Amino acid sequence: MMYRHIVINMTIHELLDEYNLATDDIRWSLCLRITESIVHKLGKEGTEGLTRELWSGDTGDELYDMEERWTRDRADRLNRAILDEGHLRDELSQMVLDKINRQQL
């Protein structure tokens, strides 16, 4: 007996809907990651290292349209089968936790 496996590839927008995540939720979660990186850099390299980071413009570039770039990147990687849907679901689950924690602030 032969079994056929049906593969359903969901789009990034379908997954975001499934997890009830809006653009603002993505932005918040990405900001948390950037904040963690900045705090780590401050602890590791002190104010001079952080100042160099901010002065370079990299942080500003990272912040500009970050949620749109994240969405485009994940959609592209899903379409090219570079990103496993399970890994993306892990990311989205973390974003849901970030959303819940934000609502409790």
Protein backbone atom coordinates (compact mmCIF):
# COMPACT_ATOMS: atom_id res chain seq x y z
CA MET A 1 0.00 0.00 0.00
CA MET A 2 1.43 3.37 -0.99
CA TYR A 3 0.87 6.48 1.06
CA ARG A 4 1.06 9.94 -0.30
CA HIS A 5 2.30 12.76 1.86
CA ILE A 6 0.64 16.05 1.26
CA VAL A 7 2.87 18.99 1.92
CA ILE A 8 1.12 22.24 2.61
CA ASN A 9 3.42 25.20 2.40
CA MET A 10 2.03 28.12 4.31
CA THR A 11 3.00 31.65 3.47
CA ILE A 12 4.55 33.92 6.06
CA HIS A 13 1.34 35.94 6.22
CA GLU A 14 -0.75 32.82 6.83
CA LEU A 15 1.60 31.82 9.63
CA LEU A 16 1.45 35.30 11.16
CA ASP A 17 -2.35 35.09 11.06
CA GLU A 18 -2.27 31.64 12.63
CA TYR A 19 -0.14 32.96 15.50
CA ASN A 20 -2.23 36.13 15.74
CA LEU A 21 0.83 38.34 15.26
CA ALA A 22 0.62 41.85 13.86
CA THR A 23 3.38 44.03 12.45
CA ASP A 24 3.64 45.82 15.79
CA ASP A 25 4.20 42.49 17.57
CA ILE A 26 7.03 41.62 15.19
CA ARG A 27 8.58 45.06 15.70
CA TRP A 28 8.39 44.67 19.50
CA SER A 29 10.03 41.25 19.43
CA LEU A 30 12.80 42.41 17.09
CA CYS A 31 13.39 45.44 19.33
CA LEU A 32 13.82 43.08 22.28
CA ARG A 33 16.55 41.22 20.37
CA ILE A 34 18.29 44.47 19.46
CA THR A 35 18.07 45.68 23.06
CA GLU A 36 19.60 42.42 24.28
CA SER A 37 22.42 42.85 21.78
CA ILE A 38 23.05 46.45 22.86
CA VAL A 39 23.06 45.52 26.56
CA HIS A 40 25.47 42.67 25.82
CA LYS A 41 27.75 44.98 23.86
CA LEU A 42 27.64 47.55 26.66
CA GLY A 43 28.61 44.91 29.21
CA LYS A 44 31.33 43.48 27.01
CA GLU A 45 32.88 46.60 25.47
CA GLY A 46 31.65 49.37 27.73
CA THR A 47 30.31 52.72 26.67
CA GLU A 48 33.07 53.26 24.08
CA GLY A 49 32.17 50.06 22.22
CA LEU A 50 28.49 50.90 22.32
CA THR A 51 29.18 54.46 21.19
CA ARG A 52 31.19 53.15 18.21
CA GLU A 53 28.30 50.82 17.35
CA LEU A 54 25.76 53.65 17.44
CA TRP A 55 28.10 56.04 15.62
CA SER A 56 28.63 53.55 12.78
CA GLY A 57 24.95 53.76 11.88
CA ASP A 58 24.56 49.97 11.92
CA THR A 59 21.97 50.10 14.69
CA GLY A 60 19.98 52.76 12.86
CA ASP A 61 20.09 50.70 9.68
CA GLU A 62 18.98 47.64 11.62
CA LEU A 63 16.00 49.53 13.05
CA TYR A 64 14.82 51.00 9.74
CA ASP A 65 11.83 48.95 8.45
CA MET A 66 13.03 45.99 10.52
CA GLU A 67 9.66 44.22 10.64
CA GLU A 68 9.17 44.54 6.86
CA ARG A 69 12.70 43.29 6.17
CA TRP A 70 12.20 40.41 8.61
CA THR A 71 8.92 39.43 6.92
CA ARG A 72 10.42 39.65 3.41
CA ASP A 73 13.49 37.67 4.49
CA ARG A 74 11.44 34.88 6.07
CA ALA A 75 9.07 34.72 3.09
CA ASP A 76 12.01 34.53 0.68
CA ARG A 77 13.76 31.87 2.73
CA LEU A 78 10.56 29.83 2.99
CA ASN A 79 9.97 30.07 -0.76
CA ARG A 80 13.51 28.94 -1.53
CA ALA A 81 13.24 26.12 1.05
CA ILE A 82 16.21 27.54 2.98
CA LEU A 83 14.15 28.00 6.12
CA ASP A 84 12.33 25.10 7.69
CA GLU A 85 8.76 25.92 8.69
CA GLY A 86 9.36 24.34 12.08
CA HIS A 87 12.21 26.75 12.79
CA LEU A 88 10.03 29.67 11.75
CA ARG A 89 7.26 28.39 14.02
CA ASP A 90 9.77 28.40 16.89
CA GLU A 91 10.55 32.06 16.12
CA LEU A 92 6.86 32.90 15.95
CA SER A 93 6.21 31.12 19.25
CA GLN A 94 8.88 33.29 20.86
CA MET A 95 7.23 36.37 19.36
CA VAL A 96 3.90 35.27 20.89
CA LEU A 97 5.61 35.00 24.29
CA ASP A 98 7.11 38.46 23.78
CA LYS A 99 3.64 39.76 22.92
CA ILE A 100 2.14 38.24 26.06
CA ASN A 101 4.91 39.67 28.25
CA ARG A 102 4.46 43.08 26.64
CA GLN A 103 0.74 43.04 27.43
CA GLN A 104 1.58 42.46 31.08
CA LEU A 105 3.77 45.58 31.29
